[in-house]
Amino acid sequence: MKKFKLIINKNFKNEERERFFVKQELQIIFNLYSQMVSNGTWKDYSLTSDKKEISFDIYKVASDRPIFRISKNLNPKSYNEKFIIKDKNGKIIKKSENLKRLIRKTSWGNLKIVE
């Protein structure tokens, strides 16, 4: 069994804090998610982390591949590639430096799911 260490009130550097979605970003994503679940469009979600990106994966059927991914790029090549929305095949639909603006300007009802 592994030994775990409990760390309380550790001072994180900004780099370490950026390794995941911050509270405000998660709140924006979950507001969208709850709206789409109440419409009956989305059914499930998962969070995926990688060295390059953190993504919020959205599913229409829980056993299928994600239909959309809202990703936070940890090492963006340009300023407007910090947040990215990808489709089922990994194709970039939209990208922006501001998550709230990106989600607001994306018309979720008009996006078609590629089978």
Protein backbone atom coordinates (compact mmCIF):
# COMPACT_ATOMS: atom_id res chain seq x y z
CA MET A 1 0.00 0.00 0.00
CA LYS A 2 1.30 3.44 -0.91
CA LYS A 3 1.83 6.07 1.74
CA PHE A 4 -0.01 9.31 1.16
CA LYS A 5 0.98 12.66 2.53
CA LEU A 6 -1.63 15.27 3.44
CA ILE A 7 -0.55 18.80 2.52
CA ILE A 8 -2.66 21.66 3.81
CA ASN A 9 -2.43 25.27 2.61
CA LYS A 10 0.46 24.67 0.28
CA ASN A 11 1.43 27.78 -1.69
CA PHE A 12 1.13 26.88 -5.35
CA LYS A 13 2.98 28.67 -8.08
CA ASN A 14 0.90 29.87 -11.03
CA GLU A 15 2.42 27.15 -13.21
CA GLU A 16 1.23 24.41 -10.88
CA ARG A 17 -2.20 25.96 -10.56
CA GLU A 18 -2.60 26.03 -14.35
CA ARG A 19 -2.27 22.23 -14.62
CA PHE A 20 -6.05 21.88 -14.27
CA PHE A 21 -9.21 23.89 -14.78
CA VAL A 22 -9.58 26.62 -12.17
CA LYS A 23 -12.84 27.01 -10.26
CA GLN A 24 -14.23 29.76 -12.52
CA GLU A 25 -13.51 27.73 -15.66
CA LEU A 26 -15.20 24.64 -14.24
CA GLN A 27 -18.20 26.73 -13.22
CA ILE A 28 -18.58 28.03 -16.80
CA ILE A 29 -18.29 24.51 -18.22
CA PHE A 30 -20.72 22.97 -15.71
CA ASN A 31 -23.28 25.74 -16.34
CA LEU A 32 -23.23 24.82 -20.04
CA TYR A 33 -23.27 21.11 -19.23
CA SER A 34 -26.28 21.38 -16.91
CA GLN A 35 -28.18 23.38 -19.52
CA MET A 36 -27.51 20.77 -22.22
CA VAL A 37 -28.39 17.87 -19.91
CA SER A 38 -31.72 19.50 -19.08
CA ASN A 39 -32.37 19.79 -22.85
CA GLY A 40 -31.68 16.07 -23.16
CA THR A 41 -28.79 16.61 -25.58
CA TRP A 42 -25.87 15.47 -23.43
CA LYS A 43 -25.84 12.50 -21.07
CA ASP A 44 -22.43 12.14 -19.42
CA TYR A 45 -19.00 13.73 -19.03
CA SER A 46 -15.45 12.90 -18.02
CA LEU A 47 -12.26 14.80 -17.30
CA THR A 48 -9.06 13.79 -19.05
CA SER A 49 -5.59 15.08 -18.28
CA ASP A 50 -2.43 14.90 -20.32
CA LYS A 51 0.93 16.68 -20.30
CA LYS A 52 -0.29 18.92 -23.11
CA GLU A 53 -3.94 19.52 -22.23
CA ILE A 54 -6.78 19.06 -19.79
CA SER A 55 -10.12 18.24 -21.38
CA PHE A 56 -13.77 18.07 -20.39
CA ASP A 57 -15.22 15.28 -22.55
CA ILE A 58 -18.93 15.30 -23.34
CA TYR A 59 -20.87 12.14 -24.19
CA LYS A 60 -24.26 11.56 -25.78
CA VAL A 61 -24.13 7.88 -24.82
CA ALA A 62 -21.97 6.90 -21.85
CA SER A 63 -20.41 3.89 -23.59
CA ASP A 64 -19.47 5.78 -26.77
CA ARG A 65 -16.59 8.14 -27.59
CA PRO A 66 -16.96 11.77 -26.53
CA ILE A 67 -18.92 13.90 -29.01
CA PHE A 68 -17.19 17.12 -27.94
CA ARG A 69 -14.11 18.08 -25.96
CA ILE A 70 -13.57 21.39 -24.25
CA SER A 71 -9.81 21.51 -23.78
CA LYS A 72 -7.42 23.77 -21.95
CA ASN A 73 -4.10 23.77 -23.78
CA LEU A 74 -1.27 23.86 -21.23
CA ASN A 75 1.39 24.93 -23.74
CA PRO A 76 -0.39 26.96 -26.42
CA LYS A 77 1.57 27.88 -29.53
CA SER A 78 -0.33 31.13 -29.86
CA TYR A 79 -2.38 33.23 -27.47
CA ASN A 80 -5.78 32.30 -28.92
CA GLU A 81 -5.19 28.55 -28.58
CA LYS A 82 -5.56 28.36 -24.80
CA PHE A 83 -9.10 26.93 -24.94
CA ILE A 84 -10.19 24.64 -27.77
CA ILE A 85 -13.43 22.88 -28.67
CA LYS A 86 -12.90 19.65 -30.62
CA ASP A 87 -15.36 17.27 -32.25
CA LYS A 88 -15.52 13.49 -32.02
CA ASN A 89 -12.65 13.03 -34.47
CA GLY A 90 -10.34 15.55 -32.79
CA LYS A 91 -10.96 18.29 -35.38
CA ILE A 92 -10.80 21.78 -33.89
CA ILE A 93 -14.18 23.52 -34.10
CA LYS A 94 -13.31 26.76 -32.32
CA LYS A 95 -10.48 28.18 -30.25
CA SER A 96 -10.05 31.23 -28.06
CA GLU A 97 -8.07 32.72 -25.20
CA ASN A 98 -11.24 33.28 -23.14
CA LEU A 99 -13.35 30.26 -22.15
CA LYS A 100 -16.50 32.22 -21.32
CA ARG A 101 -16.48 33.99 -24.70
CA LEU A 102 -15.72 30.72 -26.50
CA ILE A 103 -18.68 28.91 -24.97
CA ARG A 104 -21.03 31.88 -25.40
CA LYS A 105 -20.17 32.32 -29.10
CA THR A 106 -20.50 28.62 -29.94
CA SER A 107 -24.00 27.72 -31.07
CA TRP A 108 -24.28 24.25 -29.56
CA GLY A 109 -27.64 23.46 -31.14
CA ASN A 110 -26.30 23.87 -34.70
CA LEU A 111 -23.25 21.63 -34.25
CA LYS A 112 -23.74 18.28 -35.95
CA ILE A 113 -22.38 15.11 -34.44
CA VAL A 114 -20.18 13.27 -36.95
CA GLU A 115 -20.78 9.52 -36.86
